[in-house]
Amino acid sequence: APSLTPGPARYFPERAGNATYPRAPRHTIAS
């Protein structure tokens, strides 16, 4: 069966700034 393990291309280290550094609160208007 094909392996379901994620490869190296599945990770995005450049997007980790929003989770590792503090930021101002943001609100969204839901329907």
All heavy atoms as atom14 arrays in JSON, in Angstrom:
{
  "sequence": "APSLTPGPARYFPERAGNATYPRAPRHTIAS",
  "atom14_mask": [
    [1, 1, 1, 1, 1, 0, 0, 0, 0, 0, 0, 0, 0, 0],
    [1, 1, 1, 1, 1, 1, 1, 0, 0, 0, 0, 0, 0, 0],
    [1, 1, 1, 1, 1, 1, 0, 0, 0, 0, 0, 0, 0, 0],
    [1, 1, 1, 1, 1, 1, 1, 1, 0, 0, 0, 0, 0, 0],
    [1, 1, 1, 1, 1, 1, 1, 0, 0, 0, 0, 0, 0, 0],
    [1, 1, 1, 1, 1, 1, 1, 0, 0, 0, 0, 0, 0, 0],
    [1, 1, 1, 1, 0, 0, 0, 0, 0, 0, 0, 0, 0, 0],
    [1, 1, 1, 1, 1, 1, 1, 0, 0, 0, 0, 0, 0, 0],
    [1, 1, 1, 1, 1, 0, 0, 0, 0, 0, 0, 0, 0, 0],
    [1, 1, 1, 1, 1, 1, 1, 1, 1, 1, 1, 0, 0, 0],
    [1, 1, 1, 1, 1, 1, 1, 1, 1, 1, 1, 1, 0, 0],
    [1, 1, 1, 1, 1, 1, 1, 1, 1, 1, 1, 0, 0, 0],
    [1, 1, 1, 1, 1, 1, 1, 0, 0, 0, 0, 0, 0, 0],
    [1, 1, 1, 1, 1, 1, 1, 1, 1, 0, 0, 0, 0, 0],
    [1, 1, 1, 1, 1, 1, 1, 1, 1, 1, 1, 0, 0, 0],
    [1, 1, 1, 1, 1, 0, 0, 0, 0, 0, 0, 0, 0, 0],
    [1, 1, 1, 1, 0, 0, 0, 0, 0, 0, 0, 0, 0, 0],
    [1, 1, 1, 1, 1, 1, 1, 1, 0, 0, 0, 0, 0, 0],
    [1, 1, 1, 1, 1, 0, 0, 0, 0, 0, 0, 0, 0, 0],
    [1, 1, 1, 1, 1, 1, 1, 0, 0, 0, 0, 0, 0, 0],
    [1, 1, 1, 1, 1, 1, 1, 1, 1, 1, 1, 1, 0, 0],
    [1, 1, 1, 1, 1, 1, 1, 0, 0, 0, 0, 0, 0, 0],
    [1, 1, 1, 1, 1, 1, 1, 1, 1, 1, 1, 0, 0, 0],
    [1, 1, 1, 1, 1, 0, 0, 0, 0, 0, 0, 0, 0, 0],
    [1, 1, 1, 1, 1, 1, 1, 0, 0, 0, 0, 0, 0, 0],
    [1, 1, 1, 1, 1, 1, 1, 1, 1, 1, 1, 0, 0, 0],
    [1, 1, 1, 1, 1, 1, 1, 1, 1, 1, 0, 0, 0, 0],
    [1, 1, 1, 1, 1, 1, 1, 0, 0, 0, 0, 0, 0, 0],
    [1, 1, 1, 1, 1, 1, 1, 1, 0, 0, 0, 0, 0, 0],
    [1, 1, 1, 1, 1, 0, 0, 0, 0, 0, 0, 0, 0, 0],
    [1, 1, 1, 1, 1, 1, 0, 0, 0, 0, 0, 0, 0, 0]
  ],
  "atom14_positions": [
    [[0.85, -1.19, 0.0], [0.0, 0.0, 0.0], [0.89, 1.24, 0.0], [2.0, 1.21, 0.55], [-0.93, 0.0, 1.21], [0.0, 0.0, 0.0], [0.0, 0.0, 0.0], [0.0, 0.0, 0.0], [0.0, 0.0, 0.0], [0.0, 0.0, 0.0], [0.0, 0.0, 0.0], [0.0, 0.0, 0.0], [0.0, 0.0, 0.0], [0.0, 0.0, 0.0]],
    [[0.46, 2.33, -0.6], [1.28, 3.55, -0.57], [1.43, 4.1, 0.84], [0.52, 4.0, 1.67], [0.51, 4.51, -1.48], [-0.9, 4.01, -1.48], [-0.79, 2.53, -1.36], [0.0, 0.0, 0.0], [0.0, 0.0, 0.0], [0.0, 0.0, 0.0], [0.0, 0.0, 0.0], [0.0, 0.0, 0.0], [0.0, 0.0, 0.0], [0.0, 0.0, 0.0]],
    [[2.56, 4.67, 1.11], [2.85, 5.2, 2.44], [2.12, 6.53, 2.62], [2.09, 7.38, 1.72], [4.37, 5.41, 2.61], [4.64, 5.97, 3.88], [0.0, 0.0, 0.0], [0.0, 0.0, 0.0], [0.0, 0.0, 0.0], [0.0, 0.0, 0.0], [0.0, 0.0, 0.0], [0.0, 0.0, 0.0], [0.0, 0.0, 0.0], [0.0, 0.0, 0.0]],
    [[1.51, 6.68, 3.8], [0.79, 7.91, 4.13], [1.61, 8.85, 5.01], [1.06, 9.76, 5.63], [-0.52, 7.55, 4.84], [-1.49, 6.66, 4.05], [-2.73, 6.37, 4.88], [-1.86, 7.31, 2.73], [0.0, 0.0, 0.0], [0.0, 0.0, 0.0], [0.0, 0.0, 0.0], [0.0, 0.0, 0.0], [0.0, 0.0, 0.0], [0.0, 0.0, 0.0]],
    [[2.86, 8.64, 5.1], [3.71, 9.52, 5.92], [4.0, 10.81, 5.13], [4.38, 10.75, 3.97], [5.02, 8.81, 6.26], [4.7, 7.56, 6.89], [5.86, 9.64, 7.2], [0.0, 0.0, 0.0], [0.0, 0.0, 0.0], [0.0, 0.0, 0.0], [0.0, 0.0, 0.0], [0.0, 0.0, 0.0], [0.0, 0.0, 0.0], [0.0, 0.0, 0.0]],
    [[3.84, 11.99, 5.74], [4.12, 13.25, 5.01], [5.61, 13.4, 4.71], [6.48, 13.04, 5.5], [3.61, 14.33, 5.94], [3.65, 13.72, 7.29], [3.35, 12.25, 7.1], [0.0, 0.0, 0.0], [0.0, 0.0, 0.0], [0.0, 0.0, 0.0], [0.0, 0.0, 0.0], [0.0, 0.0, 0.0], [0.0, 0.0, 0.0], [0.0, 0.0, 0.0]],
    [[5.9, 13.91, 3.53], [7.29, 14.14, 3.12], [7.78, 15.52, 3.5], [7.08, 16.31, 4.17], [0.0, 0.0, 0.0], [0.0, 0.0, 0.0], [0.0, 0.0, 0.0], [0.0, 0.0, 0.0], [0.0, 0.0, 0.0], [0.0, 0.0, 0.0], [0.0, 0.0, 0.0], [0.0, 0.0, 0.0], [0.0, 0.0, 0.0], [0.0, 0.0, 0.0]],
    [[9.01, 15.87, 3.1], [9.57, 17.2, 3.46], [8.82, 18.36, 2.82], [8.82, 19.46, 3.35], [11.01, 17.12, 2.93], [11.29, 15.65, 2.83], [10.0, 15.02, 2.46], [0.0, 0.0, 0.0], [0.0, 0.0, 0.0], [0.0, 0.0, 0.0], [0.0, 0.0, 0.0], [0.0, 0.0, 0.0], [0.0, 0.0, 0.0], [0.0, 0.0, 0.0]],
    [[8.19, 18.16, 1.69], [7.5, 19.26, 1.03], [6.17, 19.62, 1.68], [5.55, 20.61, 1.29], [7.26, 18.88, -0.43], [0.0, 0.0, 0.0], [0.0, 0.0, 0.0], [0.0, 0.0, 0.0], [0.0, 0.0, 0.0], [0.0, 0.0, 0.0], [0.0, 0.0, 0.0], [0.0, 0.0, 0.0], [0.0, 0.0, 0.0], [0.0, 0.0, 0.0]],
    [[5.75, 18.84, 2.67], [4.48, 19.14, 3.33], [4.62, 20.2, 4.43], [3.6, 20.67, 4.93], [3.9, 17.85, 3.93], [3.42, 16.84, 2.9], [2.28, 17.41, 2.06], [1.73, 16.44, 1.14], [0.66, 15.68, 1.42], [0.06, 15.82, 2.57], [0.24, 14.83, 0.53], [0.0, 0.0, 0.0], [0.0, 0.0, 0.0], [0.0, 0.0, 0.0]],
    [[5.81, 20.55, 4.82], [6.01, 21.5, 5.92], [6.35, 22.87, 5.34], [7.08, 22.98, 4.34], [7.13, 21.02, 6.85], [6.82, 19.66, 7.49], [7.37, 18.49, 6.96], [6.01, 19.56, 8.61], [7.09, 17.25, 7.51], [5.75, 18.34, 9.18], [6.28, 17.17, 8.63], [6.0, 15.96, 9.2], [0.0, 0.0, 0.0], [0.0, 0.0, 0.0]],
    [[5.87, 23.95, 6.02], [6.14, 25.35, 5.63], [6.71, 26.09, 6.84], [5.95, 26.64, 7.64], [4.86, 26.03, 5.13], [4.23, 25.35, 3.94], [3.23, 24.39, 4.12], [4.67, 25.64, 2.66], [2.67, 23.78, 3.03], [4.09, 25.02, 1.56], [3.09, 24.08, 1.74], [0.0, 0.0, 0.0], [0.0, 0.0, 0.0], [0.0, 0.0, 0.0]],
    [[8.02, 26.12, 6.99], [8.6, 26.82, 8.17], [8.38, 28.33, 8.13], [8.35, 28.98, 9.18], [10.1, 26.48, 8.09], [10.17, 25.27, 7.21], [9.07, 25.42, 6.23], [0.0, 0.0, 0.0], [0.0, 0.0, 0.0], [0.0, 0.0, 0.0], [0.0, 0.0, 0.0], [0.0, 0.0, 0.0], [0.0, 0.0, 0.0], [0.0, 0.0, 0.0]],
    [[8.22, 28.96, 6.95], [8.05, 30.4, 6.88], [6.72, 30.88, 7.44], [6.54, 32.05, 7.75], [8.19, 30.87, 5.42], [7.14, 30.33, 4.48], [7.47, 28.98, 3.93], [8.51, 28.4, 4.36], [6.72, 28.46, 3.07], [0.0, 0.0, 0.0], [0.0, 0.0, 0.0], [0.0, 0.0, 0.0], [0.0, 0.0, 0.0], [0.0, 0.0, 0.0]],
    [[5.8, 29.98, 7.59], [4.5, 30.36, 8.14], [4.41, 30.15, 9.65], [3.33, 30.27, 10.22], [3.4, 29.54, 7.47], [3.3, 29.76, 5.97], [2.19, 28.93, 5.39], [2.12, 29.05, 3.92], [1.24, 28.41, 3.15], [0.34, 27.59, 3.72], [1.26, 28.56, 1.83], [0.0, 0.0, 0.0], [0.0, 0.0, 0.0], [0.0, 0.0, 0.0]],
    [[5.46, 29.8, 10.27], [5.43, 29.53, 11.71], [5.54, 30.79, 12.55], [5.49, 30.71, 13.78], [6.55, 28.57, 12.08], [0.0, 0.0, 0.0], [0.0, 0.0, 0.0], [0.0, 0.0, 0.0], [0.0, 0.0, 0.0], [0.0, 0.0, 0.0], [0.0, 0.0, 0.0], [0.0, 0.0, 0.0], [0.0, 0.0, 0.0], [0.0, 0.0, 0.0]],
    [[5.7, 31.97, 11.92], [5.84, 33.19, 12.71], [4.59, 33.58, 13.45], [4.65, 34.14, 14.54], [0.0, 0.0, 0.0], [0.0, 0.0, 0.0], [0.0, 0.0, 0.0], [0.0, 0.0, 0.0], [0.0, 0.0, 0.0], [0.0, 0.0, 0.0], [0.0, 0.0, 0.0], [0.0, 0.0, 0.0], [0.0, 0.0, 0.0], [0.0, 0.0, 0.0]],
    [[3.43, 33.32, 12.87], [2.18, 33.67, 13.53], [1.94, 32.84, 14.79], [1.22, 33.27, 15.7], [1.01, 33.49, 12.58], [1.11, 34.38, 11.35], [1.71, 35.47, 11.43], [0.58, 33.94, 10.22], [0.0, 0.0, 0.0], [0.0, 0.0, 0.0], [0.0, 0.0, 0.0], [0.0, 0.0, 0.0], [0.0, 0.0, 0.0], [0.0, 0.0, 0.0]],
    [[2.53, 31.66, 14.84], [2.31, 30.8, 16.01], [3.41, 30.93, 17.05], [3.19, 30.66, 18.23], [2.2, 29.33, 15.56], [0.0, 0.0, 0.0], [0.0, 0.0, 0.0], [0.0, 0.0, 0.0], [0.0, 0.0, 0.0], [0.0, 0.0, 0.0], [0.0, 0.0, 0.0], [0.0, 0.0, 0.0], [0.0, 0.0, 0.0], [0.0, 0.0, 0.0]],
    [[4.6, 31.35, 16.65], [5.73, 31.43, 17.59], [5.91, 32.83, 18.2], [6.45, 32.95, 19.3], [7.01, 31.02, 16.88], [7.2, 31.84, 15.71], [6.95, 29.55, 16.46], [0.0, 0.0, 0.0], [0.0, 0.0, 0.0], [0.0, 0.0, 0.0], [0.0, 0.0, 0.0], [0.0, 0.0, 0.0], [0.0, 0.0, 0.0], [0.0, 0.0, 0.0]],
    [[5.46, 33.89, 17.51], [5.66, 35.26, 18.01], [4.31, 35.84, 18.41], [3.26, 35.49, 17.86], [6.29, 36.13, 16.91], [7.65, 35.64, 16.51], [7.84, 34.89, 15.33], [8.78, 35.94, 17.29], [9.08, 34.43, 14.97], [10.04, 35.48, 16.91], [10.19, 34.74, 15.77], [11.43, 34.29, 15.4], [0.0, 0.0, 0.0], [0.0, 0.0, 0.0]],
    [[4.31, 36.8, 19.4], [3.05, 37.41, 19.83], [2.48, 38.32, 18.75], [3.21, 38.92, 17.96], [3.44, 38.19, 21.09], [4.9, 38.42, 20.97], [5.47, 37.27, 20.22], [0.0, 0.0, 0.0], [0.0, 0.0, 0.0], [0.0, 0.0, 0.0], [0.0, 0.0, 0.0], [0.0, 0.0, 0.0], [0.0, 0.0, 0.0], [0.0, 0.0, 0.0]],
    [[1.14, 38.5, 18.75], [0.47, 39.33, 17.77], [-0.8, 39.9, 18.39], [-1.25, 39.45, 19.44], [0.11, 38.51, 16.54], [-0.84, 37.37, 16.85], [-1.26, 36.61, 15.62], [-2.17, 35.52, 15.96], [-2.77, 34.75, 15.05], [-2.52, 34.95, 13.77], [-3.58, 33.8, 15.44], [0.0, 0.0, 0.0], [0.0, 0.0, 0.0], [0.0, 0.0, 0.0]],
    [[-1.35, 40.93, 17.73], [-2.57, 41.57, 18.21], [-3.77, 40.68, 17.92], [-3.77, 39.91, 16.96], [-2.74, 42.92, 17.53], [0.0, 0.0, 0.0], [0.0, 0.0, 0.0], [0.0, 0.0, 0.0], [0.0, 0.0, 0.0], [0.0, 0.0, 0.0], [0.0, 0.0, 0.0], [0.0, 0.0, 0.0], [0.0, 0.0, 0.0], [0.0, 0.0, 0.0]],
    [[-4.82, 40.79, 18.75], [-6.01, 39.96, 18.51], [-6.72, 40.39, 17.23], [-6.82, 41.57, 16.92], [-6.86, 40.2, 19.75], [-6.43, 41.5, 20.28], [-4.95, 41.61, 19.97], [0.0, 0.0, 0.0], [0.0, 0.0, 0.0], [0.0, 0.0, 0.0], [0.0, 0.0, 0.0], [0.0, 0.0, 0.0], [0.0, 0.0, 0.0], [0.0, 0.0, 0.0]],
    [[-7.22, 39.4, 16.5], [-7.95, 39.64, 15.27], [-9.34, 38.97, 15.37], [-9.47, 37.86, 15.9], [-7.2, 39.06, 14.07], [-5.87, 39.78, 13.79], [-5.17, 39.22, 12.57], [-4.82, 37.83, 12.73], [-4.23, 37.1, 11.76], [-3.94, 37.68, 10.58], [-3.94, 35.84, 11.97], [0.0, 0.0, 0.0], [0.0, 0.0, 0.0], [0.0, 0.0, 0.0]],
    [[-10.32, 39.7, 14.86], [-11.71, 39.23, 14.93], [-12.26, 39.12, 13.52], [-11.92, 39.91, 12.64], [-12.57, 40.17, 15.76], [-12.04, 40.41, 17.14], [-12.23, 39.54, 18.18], [-11.27, 41.43, 17.64], [-11.64, 39.99, 19.28], [-11.04, 41.16, 18.97], [0.0, 0.0, 0.0], [0.0, 0.0, 0.0], [0.0, 0.0, 0.0], [0.0, 0.0, 0.0]],
    [[-13.15, 38.18, 13.34], [-13.8, 37.96, 12.05], [-15.31, 38.02, 12.22], [-15.83, 37.75, 13.32], [-13.42, 36.58, 11.46], [-13.78, 35.55, 12.4], [-11.93, 36.5, 11.21], [0.0, 0.0, 0.0], [0.0, 0.0, 0.0], [0.0, 0.0, 0.0], [0.0, 0.0, 0.0], [0.0, 0.0, 0.0], [0.0, 0.0, 0.0], [0.0, 0.0, 0.0]],
    [[-15.99, 38.43, 11.17], [-17.45, 38.48, 11.17], [-17.96, 37.23, 10.44], [-17.78, 37.1, 9.22], [-17.97, 39.76, 10.48], [-17.43, 40.99, 11.21], [-19.5, 39.78, 10.46], [-17.8, 42.3, 10.53], [0.0, 0.0, 0.0], [0.0, 0.0, 0.0], [0.0, 0.0, 0.0], [0.0, 0.0, 0.0], [0.0, 0.0, 0.0], [0.0, 0.0, 0.0]],
    [[-18.56, 36.35, 11.18], [-19.09, 35.11, 10.6], [-20.52, 35.31, 10.13], [-21.21, 36.25, 10.54], [-19.03, 33.96, 11.62], [0.0, 0.0, 0.0], [0.0, 0.0, 0.0], [0.0, 0.0, 0.0], [0.0, 0.0, 0.0], [0.0, 0.0, 0.0], [0.0, 0.0, 0.0], [0.0, 0.0, 0.0], [0.0, 0.0, 0.0], [0.0, 0.0, 0.0]],
    [[-20.95, 34.46, 9.26], [-22.33, 34.53, 8.77], [-23.3, 33.96, 9.78], [-22.92, 33.25, 10.71], [-22.43, 33.75, 7.45], [-22.07, 32.39, 7.67], [0.0, 0.0, 0.0], [0.0, 0.0, 0.0], [0.0, 0.0, 0.0], [0.0, 0.0, 0.0], [0.0, 0.0, 0.0], [0.0, 0.0, 0.0], [0.0, 0.0, 0.0], [0.0, 0.0, 0.0]]
  ]
}
